N, C-alpha and C. Protein backbone atom coordinates (compact mmCIF):
# COMPACT_ATOMS: atom_id res chain seq x y z
N UNK A 1 55.87 -23.40 54.35
CA UNK A 1 56.61 -24.37 55.15
C UNK A 1 56.29 -24.15 56.63
N UNK A 2 56.18 -25.24 57.35
CA UNK A 2 55.93 -25.15 58.79
C UNK A 2 57.17 -24.62 59.50
N UNK A 3 56.96 -24.12 60.70
CA UNK A 3 58.03 -23.53 61.49
C UNK A 3 59.20 -24.50 61.63
N UNK A 4 60.40 -24.02 61.34
CA UNK A 4 61.58 -24.84 61.52
C UNK A 4 61.84 -25.84 60.42
N UNK A 5 61.02 -25.84 59.41
CA UNK A 5 61.21 -26.78 58.30
C UNK A 5 61.71 -26.01 57.08
N UNK A 6 62.46 -26.68 56.26
CA UNK A 6 62.99 -26.08 55.04
C UNK A 6 62.22 -26.62 53.85
N UNK A 7 61.83 -25.72 52.97
CA UNK A 7 61.17 -26.15 51.73
C UNK A 7 62.26 -26.53 50.73
N UNK A 8 62.16 -27.74 50.20
CA UNK A 8 63.09 -28.21 49.17
C UNK A 8 62.26 -28.46 47.92
N UNK A 9 62.63 -27.80 46.84
CA UNK A 9 61.96 -27.99 45.56
C UNK A 9 62.85 -28.85 44.66
N UNK A 10 62.29 -29.91 44.13
CA UNK A 10 63.02 -30.78 43.22
C UNK A 10 62.47 -30.58 41.81
N UNK A 11 63.27 -29.95 40.96
CA UNK A 11 62.93 -29.81 39.55
C UNK A 11 63.46 -31.06 38.86
N UNK A 12 62.60 -31.75 38.09
CA UNK A 12 63.03 -33.03 37.54
C UNK A 12 62.35 -33.35 36.21
N UNK A 13 62.99 -34.27 35.50
CA UNK A 13 62.45 -34.86 34.28
C UNK A 13 62.68 -36.36 34.40
N UNK A 14 61.71 -37.16 34.02
CA UNK A 14 61.84 -38.61 34.15
C UNK A 14 62.88 -39.20 33.21
N UNK A 15 63.43 -38.41 32.31
CA UNK A 15 64.51 -38.90 31.45
C UNK A 15 65.82 -39.01 32.23
N UNK A 16 65.90 -38.36 33.37
CA UNK A 16 67.14 -38.30 34.13
C UNK A 16 67.20 -39.34 35.25
N UNK A 17 68.14 -40.28 35.15
CA UNK A 17 68.29 -41.24 36.24
C UNK A 17 68.78 -40.55 37.52
N UNK A 18 69.55 -39.48 37.39
CA UNK A 18 69.99 -38.73 38.57
C UNK A 18 68.79 -38.10 39.28
N UNK A 19 67.82 -37.62 38.50
CA UNK A 19 66.62 -37.07 39.11
C UNK A 19 65.88 -38.14 39.90
N UNK A 20 65.83 -39.36 39.35
CA UNK A 20 65.15 -40.45 40.05
C UNK A 20 65.85 -40.74 41.39
N UNK A 21 67.17 -40.80 41.35
CA UNK A 21 67.92 -41.05 42.59
C UNK A 21 67.64 -39.96 43.62
N UNK A 22 67.70 -38.70 43.19
CA UNK A 22 67.44 -37.59 44.11
C UNK A 22 66.02 -37.63 44.64
N UNK A 23 65.07 -37.93 43.78
CA UNK A 23 63.66 -38.03 44.14
C UNK A 23 63.46 -39.07 45.24
N UNK A 24 64.02 -40.26 45.03
CA UNK A 24 63.83 -41.34 46.01
C UNK A 24 64.49 -41.02 47.35
N UNK A 25 65.68 -40.45 47.31
CA UNK A 25 66.39 -40.10 48.55
C UNK A 25 65.61 -39.02 49.30
N UNK A 26 65.15 -38.00 48.59
CA UNK A 26 64.38 -36.94 49.26
C UNK A 26 63.07 -37.47 49.83
N UNK A 27 62.38 -38.33 49.08
CA UNK A 27 61.13 -38.92 49.60
C UNK A 27 61.41 -39.75 50.85
N UNK A 28 62.46 -40.53 50.79
CA UNK A 28 62.80 -41.44 51.88
C UNK A 28 63.16 -40.70 53.17
N UNK A 29 63.89 -39.60 53.04
CA UNK A 29 64.44 -38.93 54.21
C UNK A 29 63.77 -37.61 54.58
N UNK A 30 62.70 -37.24 53.89
CA UNK A 30 62.09 -35.93 54.14
C UNK A 30 61.67 -35.74 55.60
N UNK A 31 61.19 -36.78 56.24
CA UNK A 31 60.75 -36.63 57.64
C UNK A 31 61.95 -36.58 58.59
N UNK A 32 62.97 -37.33 58.28
CA UNK A 32 64.19 -37.33 59.11
C UNK A 32 64.91 -35.99 58.99
N UNK A 33 64.96 -35.48 57.76
CA UNK A 33 65.68 -34.22 57.51
C UNK A 33 64.82 -32.99 57.82
N UNK A 34 63.55 -33.22 58.19
CA UNK A 34 62.66 -32.12 58.56
C UNK A 34 62.47 -31.12 57.41
N UNK A 35 62.18 -31.66 56.23
CA UNK A 35 61.98 -30.80 55.05
C UNK A 35 60.56 -30.98 54.53
N UNK A 36 60.07 -29.92 53.90
CA UNK A 36 58.84 -29.99 53.12
C UNK A 36 59.28 -30.10 51.67
N UNK A 37 58.82 -31.13 51.02
CA UNK A 37 59.27 -31.44 49.67
C UNK A 37 58.23 -31.00 48.65
N UNK A 38 58.68 -30.29 47.64
CA UNK A 38 57.80 -29.83 46.55
C UNK A 38 58.38 -30.31 45.24
N UNK A 39 57.62 -31.11 44.52
CA UNK A 39 58.06 -31.62 43.22
C UNK A 39 57.72 -30.60 42.14
N UNK A 40 58.68 -30.37 41.25
CA UNK A 40 58.51 -29.42 40.15
C UNK A 40 58.87 -30.09 38.83
N UNK A 41 57.90 -30.72 38.17
CA UNK A 41 58.20 -31.33 36.87
C UNK A 41 58.71 -30.25 35.89
N UNK A 42 59.77 -30.57 35.16
CA UNK A 42 60.37 -29.62 34.21
C UNK A 42 60.91 -30.40 33.02
N UNK A 43 60.64 -29.93 31.82
CA UNK A 43 61.09 -30.62 30.61
C UNK A 43 62.57 -30.31 30.35
N UNK A 44 63.42 -31.27 30.65
CA UNK A 44 64.87 -31.08 30.55
C UNK A 44 65.33 -30.80 29.12
N UNK A 45 64.67 -31.43 28.15
CA UNK A 45 65.04 -31.19 26.74
C UNK A 45 64.91 -29.72 26.37
N UNK A 46 63.84 -29.08 26.84
CA UNK A 46 63.64 -27.65 26.57
C UNK A 46 64.68 -26.79 27.27
N UNK A 47 65.03 -27.17 28.48
CA UNK A 47 66.05 -26.42 29.22
C UNK A 47 67.39 -26.54 28.51
N UNK A 48 67.74 -27.74 28.10
CA UNK A 48 69.01 -27.97 27.38
C UNK A 48 69.06 -27.15 26.10
N UNK A 49 67.96 -27.17 25.36
CA UNK A 49 67.91 -26.43 24.10
C UNK A 49 68.03 -24.92 24.34
N UNK A 50 67.30 -24.43 25.32
CA UNK A 50 67.30 -22.99 25.60
C UNK A 50 68.65 -22.49 26.10
N UNK A 51 69.41 -23.35 26.76
CA UNK A 51 70.71 -22.93 27.31
C UNK A 51 71.88 -23.33 26.43
N UNK A 52 71.61 -24.03 25.32
CA UNK A 52 72.68 -24.46 24.44
C UNK A 52 73.54 -25.57 25.06
N UNK A 53 72.99 -26.26 26.03
CA UNK A 53 73.70 -27.34 26.71
C UNK A 53 73.48 -28.67 26.01
N UNK A 54 74.36 -29.60 26.27
CA UNK A 54 74.20 -30.97 25.80
C UNK A 54 74.08 -31.88 27.01
N UNK A 55 73.18 -32.87 26.94
CA UNK A 55 73.11 -33.82 28.06
C UNK A 55 74.46 -34.51 28.23
N UNK A 56 74.85 -34.81 29.46
CA UNK A 56 76.15 -35.45 29.70
C UNK A 56 76.31 -36.74 28.91
N UNK A 57 75.21 -37.44 28.69
CA UNK A 57 75.27 -38.72 27.99
C UNK A 57 75.65 -38.57 26.51
N UNK A 58 75.56 -37.35 25.98
CA UNK A 58 75.89 -37.13 24.57
C UNK A 58 77.39 -36.92 24.38
N UNK A 59 78.12 -36.80 25.47
CA UNK A 59 79.56 -36.63 25.40
C UNK A 59 80.21 -37.94 25.85
N UNK A 60 80.97 -38.61 24.98
CA UNK A 60 81.42 -39.98 25.23
C UNK A 60 82.04 -40.24 26.60
N UNK A 61 82.97 -39.43 27.04
CA UNK A 61 83.62 -39.67 28.34
C UNK A 61 82.64 -39.47 29.50
N UNK A 62 81.80 -38.46 29.38
CA UNK A 62 80.80 -38.24 30.43
C UNK A 62 79.79 -39.38 30.47
N UNK A 63 79.41 -39.86 29.30
CA UNK A 63 78.45 -40.98 29.23
C UNK A 63 79.04 -42.22 29.89
N UNK A 64 80.30 -42.47 29.64
CA UNK A 64 80.99 -43.62 30.23
C UNK A 64 80.98 -43.51 31.76
N UNK A 65 81.30 -42.32 32.26
CA UNK A 65 81.30 -42.10 33.70
C UNK A 65 79.88 -42.19 34.27
N UNK A 66 78.93 -41.59 33.57
CA UNK A 66 77.54 -41.57 34.03
C UNK A 66 77.01 -42.98 34.24
N UNK A 67 77.30 -43.89 33.31
CA UNK A 67 76.84 -45.27 33.43
C UNK A 67 77.34 -45.90 34.73
N UNK A 68 78.64 -45.75 35.00
CA UNK A 68 79.23 -46.31 36.22
C UNK A 68 78.68 -45.62 37.46
N UNK A 69 78.59 -44.32 37.42
CA UNK A 69 78.17 -43.53 38.57
C UNK A 69 76.72 -43.84 38.96
N UNK A 70 75.84 -43.88 37.98
CA UNK A 70 74.43 -44.15 38.27
C UNK A 70 74.25 -45.57 38.81
N UNK A 71 74.97 -46.54 38.23
CA UNK A 71 74.89 -47.92 38.73
C UNK A 71 75.34 -47.98 40.19
N UNK A 72 76.43 -47.30 40.50
CA UNK A 72 76.97 -47.29 41.87
C UNK A 72 75.97 -46.64 42.83
N UNK A 73 75.43 -45.49 42.44
CA UNK A 73 74.48 -44.79 43.31
C UNK A 73 73.17 -45.57 43.46
N UNK A 74 72.72 -46.20 42.38
CA UNK A 74 71.48 -46.99 42.44
C UNK A 74 71.64 -48.15 43.43
N UNK A 75 72.78 -48.78 43.40
CA UNK A 75 73.04 -49.87 44.34
C UNK A 75 73.07 -49.34 45.77
N UNK A 76 73.78 -48.24 45.98
CA UNK A 76 73.91 -47.66 47.31
C UNK A 76 72.56 -47.25 47.89
N UNK A 77 71.75 -46.58 47.09
CA UNK A 77 70.46 -46.08 47.56
C UNK A 77 69.31 -47.08 47.37
N UNK A 78 69.63 -48.23 46.80
CA UNK A 78 68.64 -49.28 46.56
C UNK A 78 67.46 -48.78 45.73
N UNK A 79 67.79 -48.14 44.60
CA UNK A 79 66.80 -47.70 43.62
C UNK A 79 67.02 -48.60 42.40
N UNK A 80 65.97 -49.23 41.87
CA UNK A 80 66.14 -50.25 40.83
C UNK A 80 66.44 -49.72 39.42
N UNK A 81 67.41 -48.83 39.31
CA UNK A 81 67.81 -48.33 37.99
C UNK A 81 68.57 -49.45 37.27
N UNK A 82 68.16 -49.74 36.05
CA UNK A 82 68.85 -50.73 35.22
C UNK A 82 69.45 -49.97 34.05
N UNK A 83 70.77 -49.90 34.01
CA UNK A 83 71.41 -49.14 32.94
C UNK A 83 72.35 -50.02 32.14
N UNK A 84 72.18 -49.97 30.85
CA UNK A 84 73.12 -50.58 29.92
C UNK A 84 73.37 -49.53 28.84
N UNK A 85 74.45 -49.68 28.14
CA UNK A 85 74.76 -48.69 27.10
C UNK A 85 73.67 -48.65 26.03
N UNK A 86 73.19 -49.83 25.63
CA UNK A 86 72.14 -49.90 24.61
C UNK A 86 70.85 -49.24 25.09
N UNK A 87 70.43 -49.60 26.29
CA UNK A 87 69.21 -49.04 26.85
C UNK A 87 69.32 -47.55 27.05
N UNK A 88 70.51 -47.14 27.45
CA UNK A 88 70.79 -45.74 27.68
C UNK A 88 70.60 -44.93 26.40
N UNK A 89 71.20 -45.40 25.32
CA UNK A 89 71.08 -44.71 24.02
C UNK A 89 69.64 -44.72 23.53
N UNK A 90 68.94 -45.84 23.76
CA UNK A 90 67.54 -45.95 23.35
C UNK A 90 66.69 -44.89 24.05
N UNK A 91 66.87 -44.76 25.36
CA UNK A 91 66.08 -43.80 26.13
C UNK A 91 66.43 -42.37 25.73
N UNK A 92 67.71 -42.11 25.48
CA UNK A 92 68.11 -40.76 25.09
C UNK A 92 67.54 -40.36 23.74
N UNK A 93 67.22 -41.35 22.92
CA UNK A 93 66.63 -41.06 21.62
C UNK A 93 65.15 -40.71 21.71
N UNK A 94 64.58 -40.84 22.87
CA UNK A 94 63.15 -40.55 23.06
C UNK A 94 62.98 -39.18 23.70
N UNK A 95 61.87 -38.55 23.38
CA UNK A 95 61.53 -37.29 24.03
C UNK A 95 60.57 -37.58 25.18
N UNK A 96 60.77 -36.89 26.27
CA UNK A 96 59.85 -37.05 27.41
C UNK A 96 58.81 -35.95 27.43
N UNK A 97 58.69 -35.19 26.36
CA UNK A 97 57.76 -34.06 26.35
C UNK A 97 56.34 -34.50 26.71
N UNK A 98 55.84 -35.54 26.07
CA UNK A 98 54.47 -35.99 26.36
C UNK A 98 54.35 -36.47 27.80
N UNK A 99 55.33 -37.24 28.26
CA UNK A 99 55.30 -37.73 29.64
C UNK A 99 55.33 -36.57 30.62
N UNK A 100 56.19 -35.59 30.39
CA UNK A 100 56.31 -34.47 31.31
C UNK A 100 55.06 -33.58 31.27
N UNK A 101 54.43 -33.48 30.11
CA UNK A 101 53.16 -32.73 30.03
C UNK A 101 52.09 -33.43 30.87
N UNK A 102 52.03 -34.75 30.76
CA UNK A 102 51.06 -35.53 31.52
C UNK A 102 51.33 -35.39 33.02
N UNK A 103 52.59 -35.49 33.41
CA UNK A 103 52.97 -35.35 34.82
C UNK A 103 52.62 -33.95 35.33
N UNK A 104 52.88 -32.94 34.52
CA UNK A 104 52.56 -31.56 34.90
C UNK A 104 51.05 -31.37 35.04
N UNK A 105 50.29 -31.92 34.09
CA UNK A 105 48.83 -31.82 34.17
C UNK A 105 48.31 -32.51 35.43
N UNK A 106 48.91 -33.63 35.78
CA UNK A 106 48.53 -34.33 37.01
C UNK A 106 48.84 -33.47 38.22
N UNK A 107 50.01 -32.83 38.21
CA UNK A 107 50.39 -31.94 39.31
C UNK A 107 49.37 -30.81 39.46
N UNK A 108 48.87 -30.30 38.36
CA UNK A 108 47.94 -29.17 38.39
C UNK A 108 46.53 -29.58 38.81
N UNK A 109 46.14 -30.83 38.52
CA UNK A 109 44.76 -31.23 38.74
C UNK A 109 44.57 -32.26 39.86
N UNK A 110 45.53 -33.14 40.03
CA UNK A 110 45.44 -34.22 41.02
C UNK A 110 46.81 -34.39 41.70
N UNK A 111 47.28 -33.36 42.41
CA UNK A 111 48.66 -33.39 42.93
C UNK A 111 48.97 -34.56 43.87
N UNK A 112 47.95 -35.15 44.46
CA UNK A 112 48.19 -36.28 45.35
C UNK A 112 48.76 -37.49 44.60
N UNK A 113 48.62 -37.50 43.28
CA UNK A 113 49.14 -38.61 42.46
C UNK A 113 50.51 -38.32 41.85
N UNK A 114 51.04 -37.13 42.07
CA UNK A 114 52.30 -36.75 41.42
C UNK A 114 53.46 -37.67 41.80
N UNK A 115 53.62 -37.95 43.08
CA UNK A 115 54.75 -38.79 43.51
C UNK A 115 54.66 -40.21 42.91
N UNK A 116 53.55 -40.94 43.09
CA UNK A 116 53.51 -42.30 42.53
C UNK A 116 53.55 -42.31 41.00
N UNK A 117 52.95 -41.32 40.36
CA UNK A 117 52.97 -41.27 38.89
C UNK A 117 54.39 -41.05 38.38
N UNK A 118 55.09 -40.11 38.97
CA UNK A 118 56.47 -39.83 38.55
C UNK A 118 57.32 -41.08 38.73
N UNK A 119 57.17 -41.74 39.88
CA UNK A 119 57.94 -42.96 40.16
C UNK A 119 57.65 -44.02 39.10
N UNK A 120 56.39 -44.15 38.72
CA UNK A 120 56.01 -45.16 37.72
C UNK A 120 56.67 -44.86 36.37
N UNK A 121 56.74 -43.60 35.99
CA UNK A 121 57.43 -43.26 34.74
C UNK A 121 58.91 -43.61 34.83
N UNK A 122 59.55 -43.30 35.96
CA UNK A 122 60.97 -43.66 36.11
C UNK A 122 61.16 -45.16 36.03
N UNK A 123 60.29 -45.91 36.68
CA UNK A 123 60.40 -47.38 36.64
C UNK A 123 60.29 -47.86 35.20
N UNK A 124 59.36 -47.31 34.45
CA UNK A 124 59.18 -47.74 33.06
C UNK A 124 60.35 -47.31 32.17
N UNK A 125 60.91 -46.13 32.42
CA UNK A 125 62.05 -45.66 31.63
C UNK A 125 63.33 -46.40 31.99
N UNK A 126 63.57 -46.54 33.29
CA UNK A 126 64.90 -46.95 33.76
C UNK A 126 64.98 -48.30 34.43
N UNK A 127 63.86 -49.01 34.55
CA UNK A 127 63.92 -50.28 35.27
C UNK A 127 63.27 -51.43 34.49
N UNK A 128 62.45 -51.12 33.53
CA UNK A 128 61.76 -52.19 32.79
C UNK A 128 62.15 -52.18 31.32
């Protein structure tokens, strides 16, 4: 990190709409906030399994809140997240392992494409 700048590492999985919101906000404000941003693709499914955790969307009350919360934050930050209960369940039924492996391989070989590639996966998961 350059003098006076803070390194911020964002660990993320494209299955997470919260990760997308954080990603866009950090990208948007990194120069204003004087931070060096480092993206760290991470397979959330593996982390959940290893820690015995359940995604918030798998718990009915949390899922209900998550839908409202993400919609509110997406509107506020102007990120085109499209969430419906049906779409939400459909996406949760999918594994992002292949996508996250591809994103990680891109980070290792062509890191200049990591930001636009990650954004494209989020758009395809959560906006189209």
